[in-house]
Amino acid sequence: MDIIKKDQFIFGMLIGLFLPIVLFFLILLLNYILLQMGVAKFYLNLEAHILISMFGNLLSIRYYFVNLTFEKTGRGVLLVTFVVILLFFILKDNLGINL
């Protein structure tokens, strides 16, 4: 898997954007399926989906910083994670937007 072993800042930013989007839709689909099957008793709101999907970035930050020691890629993922979380809380708290 040489595709994910690049030490580039832009590559890290792309991972930081792509991974949460994929996880968001997987969690959304899984939650819907479990609710339809009767396993889940309640449906997670949009805020929970967004925050849970950002967990994937934490794993990729650890992978690139610790395991591969790719500083540039790890910083790209970290930057995108901070910006997305910051925007999430700005939109939620200061502007009063219900997600």
PDB file of N, CA and C in Angstrom:
ATOM      1  N   MET A   1       0.831  -1.183   0.000  1.00  0.00           N
ATOM      2  CA  MET A   1       0.000   0.000   0.000  1.00  0.00           C
ATOM      3  C   MET A   1       0.877   1.248   0.000  1.00  0.00           C
ATOM      4  N   ASP A   2       1.594   1.448  -1.086  1.00  0.00           N
ATOM      5  CA  ASP A   2       2.441   2.625  -1.206  1.00  0.00           C
ATOM      6  C   ASP A   2       1.639   3.892  -1.467  1.00  0.00           C
ATOM      7  N   ILE A   3       0.372   3.741  -1.800  1.00  0.00           N
ATOM      8  CA  ILE A   3      -0.461   4.909  -2.087  1.00  0.00           C
ATOM      9  C   ILE A   3      -0.618   5.775  -0.845  1.00  0.00           C
ATOM     10  N   ILE A   4      -0.777   5.168   0.320  1.00  0.00           N
ATOM     11  CA  ILE A   4      -0.993   5.943   1.542  1.00  0.00           C
ATOM     12  C   ILE A   4       0.308   6.296   2.243  1.00  0.00           C
ATOM     13  N   LYS A   5       1.432   5.942   1.673  1.00  0.00           N
ATOM     14  CA  LYS A   5       2.719   6.244   2.299  1.00  0.00           C
ATOM     15  C   LYS A   5       3.413   7.378   1.561  1.00  0.00           C
ATOM     16  N   LYS A   6       2.814   8.563   1.636  1.00  0.00           N
ATOM     17  CA  LYS A   6       3.379   9.768   1.046  1.00  0.00           C
ATOM     18  C   LYS A   6       3.523  10.807   2.147  1.00  0.00           C
ATOM     19  N   ASP A   7       4.624  11.511   2.149  1.00  0.00           N
ATOM     20  CA  ASP A   7       4.843  12.562   3.139  1.00  0.00           C
ATOM     21  C   ASP A   7       4.669  13.914   2.465  1.00  0.00           C
ATOM     22  N   GLN A   8       3.398  14.266   2.218  1.00  0.00           N
ATOM     23  CA  GLN A   8       3.069  15.530   1.576  1.00  0.00           C
ATOM     24  C   GLN A   8       1.931  16.193   2.340  1.00  0.00           C
ATOM     25  N   PHE A   9       2.039  17.505   2.517  1.00  0.00           N
ATOM     26  CA  PHE A   9       1.046  18.254   3.273  1.00  0.00           C
ATOM     27  C   PHE A   9      -0.330  18.189   2.604  1.00  0.00           C
ATOM     28  N   ILE A  10      -0.365  18.373   1.297  1.00  0.00           N
ATOM     29  CA  ILE A  10      -1.638  18.341   0.562  1.00  0.00           C
ATOM     30  C   ILE A  10      -2.285  16.961   0.662  1.00  0.00           C
ATOM     31  N   PHE A  11      -1.479  15.915   0.594  1.00  0.00           N
ATOM     32  CA  PHE A  11      -1.997  14.551   0.731  1.00  0.00           C
ATOM     33  C   PHE A  11      -2.647  14.365   2.100  1.00  0.00           C
ATOM     34  N   GLY A  12      -2.030  14.907   3.136  1.00  0.00           N
ATOM     35  CA  GLY A  12      -2.606  14.834   4.472  1.00  0.00           C
ATOM     36  C   GLY A  12      -3.924  15.577   4.567  1.00  0.00           C
ATOM     37  N   MET A  13      -4.004  16.726   3.894  1.00  0.00           N
ATOM     38  CA  MET A  13      -5.255  17.478   3.902  1.00  0.00           C
ATOM     39  C   MET A  13      -6.362  16.716   3.174  1.00  0.00           C
ATOM     40  N   LEU A  14      -6.004  16.055   2.089  1.00  0.00           N
ATOM     41  CA  LEU A  14      -7.002  15.260   1.365  1.00  0.00           C
ATOM     42  C   LEU A  14      -7.497  14.088   2.201  1.00  0.00           C
ATOM     43  N   ILE A  15      -6.589  13.436   2.905  1.00  0.00           N
ATOM     44  CA  ILE A  15      -6.997  12.350   3.804  1.00  0.00           C
ATOM     45  C   ILE A  15      -7.896  12.900   4.904  1.00  0.00           C
ATOM     46  N   GLY A  16      -7.524  14.056   5.447  1.00  0.00           N
ATOM     47  CA  GLY A  16      -8.304  14.674   6.510  1.00  0.00           C
ATOM     48  C   GLY A  16      -9.706  15.064   6.080  1.00  0.00           C
ATOM     49  N   LEU A  17      -9.898  15.339   4.796  1.00  0.00           N
ATOM     50  CA  LEU A  17     -11.232  15.648   4.287  1.00  0.00           C
ATOM     51  C   LEU A  17     -11.993  14.398   3.860  1.00  0.00           C
ATOM     52  N   PHE A  18     -11.309  13.491   3.196  1.00  0.00           N
ATOM     53  CA  PHE A  18     -11.956  12.313   2.613  1.00  0.00           C
ATOM     54  C   PHE A  18     -12.410  11.310   3.672  1.00  0.00           C
ATOM     55  N   LEU A  19     -11.556  11.017   4.637  1.00  0.00           N
ATOM     56  CA  LEU A  19     -11.857   9.987   5.634  1.00  0.00           C
ATOM     57  C   LEU A  19     -13.105  10.306   6.467  1.00  0.00           C
ATOM     58  N   PRO A  20     -13.271  11.525   7.002  1.00  0.00           N
ATOM     59  CA  PRO A  20     -14.495  11.802   7.767  1.00  0.00           C
ATOM     60  C   PRO A  20     -15.766  11.763   6.918  1.00  0.00           C
ATOM     61  N   ILE A  21     -15.655  12.145   5.651  1.00  0.00           N
ATOM     62  CA  ILE A  21     -16.840  12.100   4.788  1.00  0.00           C
ATOM     63  C   ILE A  21     -17.289  10.657   4.580  1.00  0.00           C
ATOM     64  N   VAL A  22     -16.341   9.786   4.310  1.00  0.00           N
ATOM     65  CA  VAL A  22     -16.667   8.368   4.121  1.00  0.00           C
ATOM     66  C   VAL A  22     -17.226   7.774   5.415  1.00  0.00           C
ATOM     67  N   LEU A  23     -16.570   8.066   6.540  1.00  0.00           N
ATOM     68  CA  LEU A  23     -17.051   7.545   7.823  1.00  0.00           C
ATOM     69  C   LEU A  23     -18.426   8.096   8.183  1.00  0.00           C
ATOM     70  N   PHE A  24     -18.682   9.360   7.850  1.00  0.00           N
ATOM     71  CA  PHE A  24     -19.978   9.962   8.130  1.00  0.00           C
ATOM     72  C   PHE A  24     -21.097   9.174   7.450  1.00  0.00           C
ATOM     73  N   PHE A  25     -20.913   8.887   6.166  1.00  0.00           N
ATOM     74  CA  PHE A  25     -21.961   8.168   5.442  1.00  0.00           C
ATOM     75  C   PHE A  25     -22.059   6.707   5.867  1.00  0.00           C
ATOM     76  N   LEU A  26     -20.943   6.093   6.238  1.00  0.00           N
ATOM     77  CA  LEU A  26     -21.001   4.722   6.751  1.00  0.00           C
ATOM     78  C   LEU A  26     -21.744   4.660   8.084  1.00  0.00           C
ATOM     79  N   ILE A  27     -21.477   5.610   8.965  1.00  0.00           N
ATOM     80  CA  ILE A  27     -22.159   5.657  10.262  1.00  0.00           C
ATOM     81  C   ILE A  27     -23.643   5.962  10.066  1.00  0.00           C
ATOM     82  N   LEU A  28     -23.939   6.869   9.152  1.00  0.00           N
ATOM     83  CA  LEU A  28     -25.328   7.204   8.847  1.00  0.00           C
ATOM     84  C   LEU A  28     -26.079   5.979   8.332  1.00  0.00           C
ATOM     85  N   LEU A  29     -25.467   5.253   7.418  1.00  0.00           N
ATOM     86  CA  LEU A  29     -26.078   4.047   6.863  1.00  0.00           C
ATOM     87  C   LEU A  29     -26.228   2.957   7.920  1.00  0.00           C
ATOM     88  N   LEU A  30     -25.190   2.741   8.709  1.00  0.00           N
ATOM     89  CA  LEU A  30     -25.237   1.724   9.760  1.00  0.00           C
ATOM     90  C   LEU A  30     -26.306   2.046  10.796  1.00  0.00           C
ATOM     91  N   ASN A  31     -26.395   3.302  11.184  1.00  0.00           N
ATOM     92  CA  ASN A  31     -27.403   3.707  12.157  1.00  0.00           C
ATOM     93  C   ASN A  31     -28.811   3.503  11.593  1.00  0.00           C
ATOM     94  N   TYR A  32     -28.998   3.820  10.328  1.00  0.00           N
ATOM     95  CA  TYR A  32     -30.305   3.629   9.693  1.00  0.00           C
ATOM     96  C   TYR A  32     -30.671   2.148   9.614  1.00  0.00           C
ATOM     97  N   ILE A  33     -29.716   1.318   9.221  1.00  0.00           N
ATOM     98  CA  ILE A  33     -29.974  -0.123   9.110  1.00  0.00           C
ATOM     99  C   ILE A  33     -30.301  -0.721  10.474  1.00  0.00           C
ATOM    100  N   LEU A  34     -29.536  -0.352  11.493  1.00  0.00           N
ATOM    101  CA  LEU A  34     -29.797  -0.877  12.837  1.00  0.00           C
ATOM    102  C   LEU A  34     -31.138  -0.411  13.374  1.00  0.00           C
ATOM    103  N   LEU A  35     -31.522   0.806  13.034  1.00  0.00           N
ATOM    104  CA  LEU A  35     -32.820   1.313  13.467  1.00  0.00           C
ATOM    105  C   LEU A  35     -33.956   0.563  12.770  1.00  0.00           C
ATOM    106  N   GLN A  36     -33.796   0.279  11.494  1.00  0.00           N
ATOM    107  CA  GLN A  36     -34.824  -0.448  10.749  1.00  0.00           C
ATOM    108  C   GLN A  36     -34.951  -1.895  11.212  1.00  0.00           C
ATOM    109  N   MET A  37     -33.833  -2.500  11.616  1.00  0.00           N
ATOM    110  CA  MET A  37     -33.859  -3.885  12.098  1.00  0.00           C
ATOM    111  C   MET A  37     -34.406  -3.985  13.513  1.00  0.00           C
ATOM    112  N   GLY A  38     -34.490  -2.869  14.207  1.00  0.00           N
ATOM    113  CA  GLY A  38     -34.983  -2.878  15.569  1.00  0.00           C
ATOM    114  C   GLY A  38     -33.900  -3.067  16.609  1.00  0.00           C
ATOM    115  N   VAL A  39     -32.651  -3.092  16.196  1.00  0.00           N
ATOM    116  CA  VAL A  39     -31.547  -3.256  17.137  1.00  0.00           C
ATOM    117  C   VAL A  39     -31.290  -1.951  17.877  1.00  0.00           C
ATOM    118  N   ALA A  40     -31.279  -0.847  17.149  1.00  0.00           N
ATOM    119  CA  ALA A  40     -31.063   0.465  17.764  1.00  0.00           C
ATOM    120  C   ALA A  40     -32.400   1.012  18.243  1.00  0.00           C
ATOM    121  N   LYS A  41     -32.401   1.615  19.406  1.00  0.00           N
ATOM    122  CA  LYS A  41     -33.636   2.147  19.974  1.00  0.00           C
ATOM    123  C   LYS A  41     -33.870   3.607  19.592  1.00  0.00           C
ATOM    124  N   PHE A  42     -32.817   4.326  19.166  1.00  0.00           N
ATOM    125  CA  PHE A  42     -32.963   5.730  18.806  1.00  0.00           C
ATOM    126  C   PHE A  42     -32.023   6.039  17.649  1.00  0.00           C
ATOM    127  N   TYR A  43     -32.306   7.127  16.969  1.00  0.00           N
ATOM    128  CA  TYR A  43     -31.499   7.550  15.835  1.00  0.00           C
ATOM    129  C   TYR A  43     -30.552   8.654  16.296  1.00  0.00           C
ATOM    130  N   LEU A  44     -29.278   8.513  15.969  1.00  0.00           N
ATOM    131  CA  LEU A  44     -28.304   9.537  16.338  1.00  0.00           C
ATOM    132  C   LEU A  44     -28.561  10.808  15.534  1.00  0.00           C
ATOM    133  N   ASN A  45     -28.399  11.949  16.185  1.00  0.00           N
ATOM    134  CA  ASN A  45     -28.603  13.199  15.465  1.00  0.00           C
ATOM    135  C   ASN A  45     -27.378  13.530  14.607  1.00  0.00           C
ATOM    136  N   LEU A  46     -27.499  14.573  13.820  1.00  0.00           N
ATOM    137  CA  LEU A  46     -26.443  14.948  12.884  1.00  0.00           C
ATOM    138  C   LEU A  46     -25.161  15.341  13.605  1.00  0.00           C
ATOM    139  N   GLU A  47     -25.281  15.996  14.746  1.00  0.00           N
ATOM    140  CA  GLU A  47     -24.099  16.392  15.518  1.00  0.00           C
ATOM    141  C   GLU A  47     -23.282  15.177  15.930  1.00  0.00           C
ATOM    142  N   ALA A  48     -23.948  14.150  16.386  1.00  0.00           N
ATOM    143  CA  ALA A  48     -23.244  12.932  16.795  1.00  0.00           C
ATOM    144  C   ALA A  48     -22.562  12.271  15.608  1.00  0.00           C
ATOM    145  N   HIS A  49     -23.218  12.265  14.459  1.00  0.00           N
ATOM    146  CA  HIS A  49     -22.605  11.684  13.264  1.00  0.00           C
ATOM    147  C   HIS A  49     -21.328  12.434  12.878  1.00  0.00           C
ATOM    148  N   ILE A  50     -21.363  13.740  12.933  1.00  0.00           N
ATOM    149  CA  ILE A  50     -20.193  14.543  12.558  1.00  0.00           C
ATOM    150  C   ILE A  50     -19.044  14.289  13.516  1.00  0.00           C
ATOM    151  N   LEU A  51     -19.318  14.328  14.802  1.00  0.00           N
ATOM    152  CA  LEU A  51     -18.243  14.152  15.781  1.00  0.00           C
ATOM    153  C   LEU A  51     -17.672  12.738  15.769  1.00  0.00           C
ATOM    154  N   ILE A  52     -18.511  11.740  15.585  1.00  0.00           N
ATOM    155  CA  ILE A  52     -18.016  10.363  15.521  1.00  0.00           C
ATOM    156  C   ILE A  52     -17.182  10.158  14.258  1.00  0.00           C
ATOM    157  N   SER A  53     -17.576  10.778  13.161  1.00  0.00           N
ATOM    158  CA  SER A  53     -16.819  10.612  11.916  1.00  0.00           C
ATOM    159  C   SER A  53     -15.440  11.258  11.996  1.00  0.00           C
ATOM    160  N   MET A  54     -15.264  12.239  12.852  1.00  0.00           N
ATOM    161  CA  MET A  54     -13.945  12.869  13.006  1.00  0.00           C
ATOM    162  C   MET A  54     -12.971  11.973  13.761  1.00  0.00           C
ATOM    163  N   PHE A  55     -13.459  10.927  14.392  1.00  0.00           N
ATOM    164  CA  PHE A  55     -12.588   9.996  15.111  1.00  0.00           C
ATOM    165  C   PHE A  55     -11.607   9.304  14.169  1.00  0.00           C
ATOM    166  N   GLY A  56     -12.008   9.097  12.926  1.00  0.00           N
ATOM    167  CA  GLY A  56     -11.113   8.485  11.945  1.00  0.00           C
ATOM    168  C   GLY A  56      -9.860   9.303  11.710  1.00  0.00           C
ATOM    169  N   ASN A  57      -9.993  10.622  11.796  1.00  0.00           N
ATOM    170  CA  ASN A  57      -8.813  11.474  11.641  1.00  0.00           C
ATOM    171  C   ASN A  57      -7.829  11.280  12.786  1.00  0.00           C
ATOM    172  N   LEU A  58      -8.318  11.016  13.969  1.00  0.00           N
ATOM    173  CA  LEU A  58      -7.409  10.784  15.095  1.00  0.00           C
ATOM    174  C   LEU A  58      -6.553   9.549  14.861  1.00  0.00           C
ATOM    175  N   LEU A  59      -7.160   8.522  14.291  1.00  0.00           N
ATOM    176  CA  LEU A  59      -6.396   7.312  13.981  1.00  0.00           C
ATOM    177  C   LEU A  59      -5.366   7.570  12.886  1.00  0.00           C
ATOM    178  N   SER A  60      -5.748   8.342  11.874  1.00  0.00           N
ATOM    179  CA  SER A  60      -4.788   8.619  10.804  1.00  0.00           C
ATOM    180  C   SER A  60      -3.680   9.552  11.278  1.00  0.00           C
ATOM    181  N   ILE A  61      -3.980  10.480  12.187  1.00  0.00           N
ATOM    182  CA  ILE A  61      -2.931  11.341  12.751  1.00  0.00           C
ATOM    183  C   ILE A  61      -1.921  10.489  13.497  1.00  0.00           C
ATOM    184  N   ARG A  62      -2.402   9.580  14.302  1.00  0.00           N
ATOM    185  CA  ARG A  62      -1.488   8.695  15.036  1.00  0.00           C
ATOM    186  C   ARG A  62      -0.666   7.836  14.078  1.00  0.00           C
ATOM    187  N   TYR A  63      -1.301   7.320  13.051  1.00  0.00           N
ATOM    188  CA  TYR A  63      -0.602   6.462  12.092  1.00  0.00           C
ATOM    189  C   TYR A  63       0.526   7.226  11.396  1.00  0.00           C
ATOM    190  N   TYR A  64       0.244   8.430  10.940  1.00  0.00           N
ATOM    191  CA  TYR A  64       1.264   9.177  10.195  1.00  0.00           C
ATOM    192  C   TYR A  64       2.325   9.793  11.097  1.00  0.00           C
ATOM    193  N   PHE A  65       1.960  10.255  12.278  1.00  0.00           N
ATOM    194  CA  PHE A  65       2.958  10.855  13.171  1.00  0.00           C
ATOM    195  C   PHE A  65       3.822   9.803  13.860  1.00  0.00           C
ATOM    196  N   VAL A  66       3.212   8.762  14.393  1.00  0.00           N
ATOM    197  CA  VAL A  66       3.937   7.804  15.232  1.00  0.00           C
ATOM    198  C   VAL A  66       4.491   6.631  14.425  1.00  0.00           C
ATOM    199  N   ASN A  67       3.637   5.959  13.671  1.00  0.00           N
ATOM    200  CA  ASN A  67       4.072   4.744  12.979  1.00  0.00           C
ATOM    201  C   ASN A  67       4.989   5.029  11.799  1.00  0.00           C
ATOM    202  N   LEU A  68       4.620   5.996  10.957  1.00  0.00           N
ATOM    203  CA  LEU A  68       5.406   6.271   9.758  1.00  0.00           C
ATOM    204  C   LEU A  68       6.357   7.451   9.914  1.00  0.00           C
ATOM    205  N   THR A  69       6.174   8.252  10.931  1.00  0.00           N
ATOM    206  CA  THR A  69       6.916   9.506  11.174  1.00  0.00           C
ATOM    207  C   THR A  69       6.899  10.412   9.945  1.00  0.00           C
ATOM    208  N   PHE A  70       5.732  10.538   9.325  1.00  0.00           N
ATOM    209  CA  PHE A  70       5.535  11.464   8.211  1.00  0.00           C
ATOM    210  C   PHE A  70       4.948  12.753   8.781  1.00  0.00           C
ATOM    211  N   GLU A  71       5.811  13.718   9.038  1.00  0.00           N
ATOM    212  CA  GLU A  71       5.389  14.964   9.681  1.00  0.00           C
ATOM    213  C   GLU A  71       4.442  15.782   8.800  1.00  0.00           C
ATOM    214  N   LYS A  72       4.744  15.910   7.530  1.00  0.00           N
ATOM    215  CA  LYS A  72       3.937  16.760   6.652  1.00  0.00           C
ATOM    216  C   LYS A  72       2.520  16.212   6.482  1.00  0.00           C
ATOM    217  N   THR A  73       2.406  14.931   6.254  1.00  0.00           N
ATOM    218  CA  THR A  73       1.083  14.326   6.089  1.00  0.00           C
ATOM    219  C   THR A  73       0.289  14.414   7.386  1.00  0.00           C
ATOM    220  N   GLY A  74       0.932  14.133   8.503  1.00  0.00           N
ATOM    221  CA  GLY A  74       0.259  14.226   9.793  1.00  0.00           C
ATOM    222  C   GLY A  74      -0.215  15.630  10.095  1.00  0.00           C
ATOM    223  N   ARG A  75       0.593  16.626   9.726  1.00  0.00           N
ATOM    224  CA  ARG A  75       0.188  18.020   9.954  1.00  0.00           C
ATOM    225  C   ARG A  75      -0.982  18.420   9.064  1.00  0.00           C
ATOM    226  N   GLY A  76      -1.031  17.883   7.859  1.00  0.00           N
ATOM    227  CA  GLY A  76      -2.166  18.164   6.979  1.00  0.00           C
ATOM    228  C   GLY A  76      -3.462  17.618   7.545  1.00  0.00           C
ATOM    229  N   VAL A  77      -3.426  16.397   8.036  1.00  0.00           N
ATOM    230  CA  VAL A  77      -4.617  15.794   8.647  1.00  0.00           C
ATOM    231  C   VAL A  77      -4.996  16.565   9.908  1.00  0.00           C
ATOM    232  N   LEU A  78      -4.011  16.939  10.695  1.00  0.00           N
ATOM    233  CA  LEU A  78      -4.257  17.672  11.934  1.00  0.00           C
ATOM    234  C   LEU A  78      -4.882  19.038  11.658  1.00  0.00           C
ATOM    235  N   LEU A  79      -4.394  19.730  10.633  1.00  0.00           N
ATOM    236  CA  LEU A  79      -4.945  21.038  10.286  1.00  0.00           C
ATOM    237  C   LEU A  79      -6.414  20.932   9.888  1.00  0.00           C
ATOM    238  N   VAL A  80      -6.726  19.987   9.031  1.00  0.00           N
ATOM    239  CA  VAL A  80      -8.114  19.815   8.594  1.00  0.00           C
ATOM    240  C   VAL A  80      -9.004  19.439   9.775  1.00  0.00           C
ATOM    241  N   THR A  81      -8.507  18.597  10.666  1.00  0.00           N
ATOM    242  CA  THR A  81      -9.285  18.198  11.842  1.00  0.00           C
ATOM    243  C   THR A  81      -9.595  19.403  12.720  1.00  0.00           C
ATOM    244  N   PHE A  82      -8.600  20.241  12.983  1.00  0.00           N
ATOM    245  CA  PHE A  82      -8.826  21.434  13.796  1.00  0.00           C
ATOM    246  C   PHE A  82      -9.814  22.386  13.135  1.00  0.00           C
ATOM    247  N   VAL A  83      -9.679  22.596  11.837  1.00  0.00           N
ATOM    248  CA  VAL A  83     -10.568  23.523  11.140  1.00  0.00           C
ATOM    249  C   VAL A  83     -12.006  23.013  11.152  1.00  0.00           C
ATOM    250  N   VAL A  84     -12.201  21.736  10.895  1.00  0.00           N
ATOM    251  CA  VAL A  84     -13.562  21.178  10.863  1.00  0.00           C
ATOM    252  C   VAL A  84     -14.205  21.234  12.249  1.00  0.00           C
ATOM    253  N   ILE A  85     -13.469  20.858  13.271  1.00  0.00           N
ATOM    254  CA  ILE A  85     -14.020  20.908  14.633  1.00  0.00           C
ATOM    255  C   ILE A  85     -14.298  22.348  15.053  1.00  0.00           C
ATOM    256  N   LEU A  86     -13.408  23.266  14.701  1.00  0.00           N
ATOM    257  CA  LEU A  86     -13.612  24.674  15.020  1.00  0.00           C
ATOM    258  C   LEU A  86     -14.859  25.209  14.322  1.00  0.00           C
ATOM    259  N   LEU A  87     -15.014  24.914  13.048  1.00  0.00           N
ATOM    260  CA  LEU A  87     -16.210  25.337  12.320  1.00  0.00           C
ATOM    261  C   LEU A  87     -17.476  24.706  12.895  1.00  0.00           C
ATOM    262  N   PHE A  88     -17.373  23.464  13.304  1.00  0.00           N
ATOM    263  CA  PHE A  88     -18.519  22.783  13.903  1.00  0.00           C
ATOM    264  C   PHE A  88     -19.012  23.541  15.135  1.00  0.00           C
ATOM    265  N   PHE A  89     -18.093  23.885  16.025  1.00  0.00           N
ATOM    266  CA  PHE A  89     -18.507  24.562  17.253  1.00  0.00           C
ATOM    267  C   PHE A  89     -18.890  26.016  17.017  1.00  0.00           C
ATOM    268  N   ILE A  90     -18.281  26.680  16.049  1.00  0.00           N
ATOM    269  CA  ILE A  90     -18.685  28.050  15.725  1.00  0.00           C
ATOM    270  C   ILE A  90     -20.107  28.058  15.183  1.00  0.00           C
ATOM    271  N   LEU A  91     -20.389  27.159  14.255  1.00  0.00           N
ATOM    272  CA  LEU A  91     -21.732  27.103  13.688  1.00  0.00           C
ATOM    273  C   LEU A  91     -22.770  26.672  14.712  1.00  0.00           C
ATOM    274  N   LYS A  92     -22.397  25.765  15.580  1.00  0.00           N
ATOM    275  CA  LYS A  92     -23.349  25.248  16.558  1.00  0.00           C
ATOM    276  C   LYS A  92     -23.634  26.245  17.671  1.00  0.00           C
ATOM    277  N   ASP A  93     -22.595  26.806  18.262  1.00  0.00           N
ATOM    278  CA  ASP A  93     -22.778  27.630  19.454  1.00  0.00           C
ATOM    279  C   ASP A  93     -22.997  29.112  19.151  1.00  0.00           C
ATOM    280  N   ASN A  94     -22.129  29.711  18.371  1.00  0.00           N
ATOM    281  CA  ASN A  94     -22.188  31.158  18.186  1.00  0.00           C
ATOM    282  C   ASN A  94     -23.277  31.604  17.224  1.00  0.00           C
ATOM    283  N   LEU A  95     -23.492  30.866  16.176  1.00  0.00           N
ATOM    284  CA  LEU A  95     -24.501  31.262  15.205  1.00  0.00           C
ATOM    285  C   LEU A  95     -25.860  30.647  15.483  1.00  0.00           C
ATOM    286  N   GLY A  96     -25.913  29.708  16.396  1.00  0.00           N
ATOM    287  CA  GLY A  96     -27.180  29.102  16.777  1.00  0.00           C
ATOM    288  C   GLY A  96     -27.764  28.171  15.733  1.00  0.00           C
ATOM    289  N   ILE A  97     -26.917  27.645  14.873  1.00  0.00           N
ATOM    290  CA  ILE A  97     -27.397  26.723  13.846  1.00  0.00           C
ATOM    291  C   ILE A  97     -27.523  25.336  14.454  1.00  0.00           C
ATOM    292  N   ASN A  98     -28.698  24.762  14.330  1.00  0.00           N
ATOM    293  CA  ASN A  98     -28.901  23.397  14.816  1.00  0.00           C
ATOM    294  C   ASN A  98     -28.537  22.423  13.715  1.00  0.00           C
ATOM    295  N   LEU A  99     -27.560  21.596  13.990  1.00  0.00           N
ATOM    296  CA  LEU A  99     -27.128  20.620  12.984  1.00  0.00           C
ATOM    297  C   LEU A  99     -27.893  19.336  13.148  1.00  0.00           C
TER     298      LEU A  99
END
